C-alpha atoms as a PDB file:
ATOM      1  CA  ALA A   1       0.000   0.000   0.000  1.00  0.00           C
ATOM      2  CA  ASP A   2       1.176   3.538  -0.739  1.00  0.00           C
ATOM      3  CA  VAL A   3      -0.851   4.982   2.138  1.00  0.00           C
ATOM      4  CA  PHE A   4      -2.001   3.292   5.326  1.00  0.00           C
ATOM      5  CA  LEU A   5      -4.729   4.866   7.476  1.00  0.00           C
ATOM      6  CA  GLU A   6      -5.148   3.225  10.866  1.00  0.00           C
ATOM      7  CA  MET A   7      -8.579   4.098  12.253  1.00  0.00           C
ATOM      8  CA  ALA A   8      -9.541   1.078  14.360  1.00  0.00           C
ATOM      9  CA  GLY A   9      -7.193   1.665  17.276  1.00  0.00           C
ATOM     10  CA  THR A  10      -6.120  -1.989  17.422  1.00  0.00           C
ATOM     11  CA  PRO A  11      -2.558  -3.330  17.517  1.00  0.00           C
ATOM     12  CA  ASP A  12      -3.405  -5.986  14.903  1.00  0.00           C
ATOM     13  CA  ALA A  13      -4.610  -3.337  12.426  1.00  0.00           C
ATOM     14  CA  PHE A  14      -1.517  -1.215  13.045  1.00  0.00           C
ATOM     15  CA  ASN A  15       0.896  -4.126  12.621  1.00  0.00           C
ATOM     16  CA  LEU A  16      -0.880  -5.384   9.481  1.00  0.00           C
ATOM     17  CA  GLY A  17      -0.687  -1.899   7.992  1.00  0.00           C
ATOM     18  CA  MET A  18       3.015  -1.664   8.747  1.00  0.00           C
ATOM     19  CA  ALA A  19       3.579  -5.097   7.205  1.00  0.00           C
ATOM     20  CA  THR A  20       1.790  -4.180   3.968  1.00  0.00           C
ATOM     21  CA  ILE A  21       2.942  -0.603   3.435  1.00  0.00           C
ATOM     22  CA  ARG A  22       5.485  -0.086   0.637  1.00  0.00           C
ATOM     23  CA  ALA A  23       8.927   1.392   1.105  1.00  0.00           C
ATOM     24  CA  GLY A  24       8.585   5.162   1.383  1.00  0.00           C
ATOM     25  CA  GLY A  25       4.868   4.854   2.120  1.00  0.00           C
ATOM     26  CA  ARG A  26       2.859   7.130   4.396  1.00  0.00           C
ATOM     27  CA  ALA A  27       1.067   5.933   7.532  1.00  0.00           C
ATOM     28  CA  SER A  28      -1.504   8.150   9.221  1.00  0.00           C
ATOM     29  CA  ILE A  29      -2.690   7.026  12.629  1.00  0.00           C
ATOM     30  CA  LEU A  30      -6.180   8.237  13.526  1.00  0.00           C
ATOM     31  CA  GLY A  31      -7.252   5.416  15.854  1.00  0.00           C
ATOM     32  CA  VAL A  32      -7.011   5.741  19.614  1.00  0.00           C
ATOM     33  CA  PHE A  33      -5.452   2.695  21.225  1.00  0.00           C
ATOM     34  CA  PRO A  34      -6.758   1.480  24.607  1.00  0.00           C
ATOM     35  CA  LYS A  35      -3.290   0.602  25.930  1.00  0.00           C
ATOM     36  CA  PRO A  36       0.375   0.623  24.851  1.00  0.00           C
ATOM     37  CA  PHE A  37       1.582  -2.211  22.608  1.00  0.00           C
ATOM     38  CA  GLU A  38       4.834  -3.435  21.073  1.00  0.00           C
ATOM     39  CA  VAL A  39       5.823  -2.087  17.629  1.00  0.00           C
ATOM     40  CA  ASP A  40       8.619  -3.251  15.297  1.00  0.00           C
ATOM     41  CA  VAL A  41      10.181   0.174  14.686  1.00  0.00           C
ATOM     42  CA  THR A  42      13.046  -1.396  12.699  1.00  0.00           C
ATOM     43  CA  GLN A  43      10.533  -2.347   9.999  1.00  0.00           C
ATOM     44  CA  MET A  44       9.469   1.299   9.710  1.00  0.00           C
ATOM     45  CA  VAL A  45      13.085   2.465   9.567  1.00  0.00           C
ATOM     46  CA  PHE A  46      14.131   0.105   6.780  1.00  0.00           C
ATOM     47  CA  LYS A  47      10.995   0.884   4.773  1.00  0.00           C
ATOM     48  CA  GLY A  48      11.407   4.626   5.293  1.00  0.00           C
ATOM     49  CA  VAL A  49       7.775   4.957   6.377  1.00  0.00           C
ATOM     50  CA  ARG A  50       6.488   8.471   7.019  1.00  0.00           C
ATOM     51  CA  LEU A  51       4.350   8.136  10.150  1.00  0.00           C
ATOM     52  CA  SER A  52       2.050  10.803  11.520  1.00  0.00           C
ATOM     53  CA  GLY A  53      -0.641  10.931  14.147  1.00  0.00           C
ATOM     54  CA  ILE A  54      -3.732  12.886  13.163  1.00  0.00           C
ATOM     55  CA  ASN A  55      -6.335  14.454  15.400  1.00  0.00           C
ATOM     56  CA  GLY A  56      -8.432  17.574  15.585  1.00  0.00           C
ATOM     57  CA  ARG A  57      -8.425  20.021  12.683  1.00  0.00           C
ATOM     58  CA  LYS A  58      -6.144  18.008  10.379  1.00  0.00           C
ATOM     59  CA  MET A  59      -8.359  14.952  10.814  1.00  0.00           C
ATOM     60  CA  PHE A  60     -11.357  16.858   9.436  1.00  0.00           C
ATOM     61  CA  ASP A  61      -9.250  18.111   6.532  1.00  0.00           C
ATOM     62  CA  THR A  62      -8.554  14.509   5.511  1.00  0.00           C
ATOM     63  CA  TRP A  63     -12.302  13.799   5.579  1.00  0.00           C
ATOM     64  CA  TYR A  64     -12.991  16.743   3.270  1.00  0.00           C
ATOM     65  CA  THR A  65     -10.214  15.617   0.919  1.00  0.00           C
ATOM     66  CA  ALA A  66     -11.593  12.073   0.834  1.00  0.00           C
ATOM     67  CA  ARG A  67     -15.145  13.339   0.230  1.00  0.00           C
ATOM     68  CA  SER A  68     -13.900  15.503  -2.628  1.00  0.00           C
ATOM     69  CA  MET A  69     -12.030  12.603  -4.238  1.00  0.00           C
ATOM     70  CA  LEU A  70     -15.062  10.321  -3.934  1.00  0.00           C
ATOM     71  CA  SER A  71     -17.573  12.845  -5.269  1.00  0.00           C
ATOM     72  CA  SER A  72     -15.300  13.728  -8.207  1.00  0.00           C
ATOM     73  CA  GLY A  73     -15.229  10.096  -9.343  1.00  0.00           C
ATOM     74  CA  LYS A  74     -11.434   9.835  -9.031  1.00  0.00           C
ATOM     75  CA  ILE A  75     -11.906   6.870  -6.706  1.00  0.00           C
ATOM     76  CA  ASP A  76     -14.491   4.153  -7.303  1.00  0.00           C
ATOM     77  CA  LEU A  77     -15.045   2.334  -4.022  1.00  0.00           C
ATOM     78  CA  LYS A  78     -17.282  -0.220  -5.742  1.00  0.00           C
ATOM     79  CA  LYS A  79     -14.124  -1.827  -7.135  1.00  0.00           C
ATOM     80  CA  LEU A  80     -12.999  -2.557  -3.580  1.00  0.00           C
ATOM     81  CA  VAL A  81     -16.130  -4.562  -2.711  1.00  0.00           C
ATOM     82  CA  THR A  82     -15.353  -8.196  -3.424  1.00  0.00           C
ATOM     83  CA  HIS A  83     -18.451  -9.823  -1.899  1.00  0.00           C
ATOM     84  CA  LYS A  84     -22.012  -8.900  -0.908  1.00  0.00           C
ATOM     85  CA  PHE A  85     -24.169 -10.931   1.445  1.00  0.00           C
ATOM     86  CA  LYS A  86     -27.605 -10.464   2.960  1.00  0.00           C
ATOM     87  CA  LEU A  87     -27.418  -9.612   6.663  1.00  0.00           C
ATOM     88  CA  LYS A  88     -28.918 -13.009   7.499  1.00  0.00           C
ATOM     89  CA  ASP A  89     -25.786 -14.571   5.909  1.00  0.00           C
ATOM     90  CA  ILE A  90     -23.402 -12.693   8.206  1.00  0.00           C
ATOM     91  CA  ASP A  91     -21.565 -15.938   9.066  1.00  0.00           C
ATOM     92  CA  LYS A  92     -20.748 -16.481   5.376  1.00  0.00           C
ATOM     93  CA  GLY A  93     -19.416 -12.921   5.203  1.00  0.00           C
ATOM     94  CA  PHE A  94     -17.116 -13.377   8.164  1.00  0.00           C
ATOM     95  CA  GLN A  95     -15.979 -16.783   6.916  1.00  0.00           C
ATOM     96  CA  THR A  96     -15.092 -15.203   3.561  1.00  0.00           C
ATOM     97  CA  LEU A  97     -12.866 -12.700   5.364  1.00  0.00           C
ATOM     98  CA  LEU A  98     -11.348 -15.272   7.711  1.00  0.00           C
ATOM     99  CA  ASN A  99     -10.509 -17.508   4.737  1.00  0.00           C
ATOM    100  CA  ARG A 100      -8.903 -14.477   3.030  1.00  0.00           C
ATOM    101  CA  GLU A 101     -11.201 -14.959   0.035  1.00  0.00           C
ATOM    102  CA  GLY A 102     -12.392 -11.359   0.031  1.00  0.00           C
ATOM    103  CA  MET A 103     -11.011  -7.889   0.660  1.00  0.00           C
ATOM    104  CA  LYS A 104     -14.193  -5.947   1.409  1.00  0.00           C
ATOM    105  CA  VAL A 105     -17.379  -7.758   2.353  1.00  0.00           C
ATOM    106  CA  VAL A 106     -20.629  -5.801   2.457  1.00  0.00           C
ATOM    107  CA  LEU A 107     -23.655  -6.945   4.444  1.00  0.00           C
ATOM    108  CA  GLU A 108     -26.970  -5.717   3.047  1.00  0.00           C
ATOM    109  CA  PRO A 109     -30.011  -5.430   5.348  1.00  0.00           C
END
């Protein structure tokens, strides 16, 4: 990934993002973590990752930028959706993710 946005506030999400970011990539941390956790800083050093924490005013600026990019058609999020399931089939949706068969699973009411 060129850009990694951590918004969940979970160590697993952070570490997965760091593992998948490209050399020279940018990581923006928006999530709030409930407690300290161990991070492999060496990985960030060798990849040359640009890491920044975002809160307050800058956070809202990123939302406006994202909204602008989506409304302009520059980014088509529909291409990211790999599977759609009815809400009653939620177990199938989670199993698809756990089996790494899908990237973005949508549950429809």
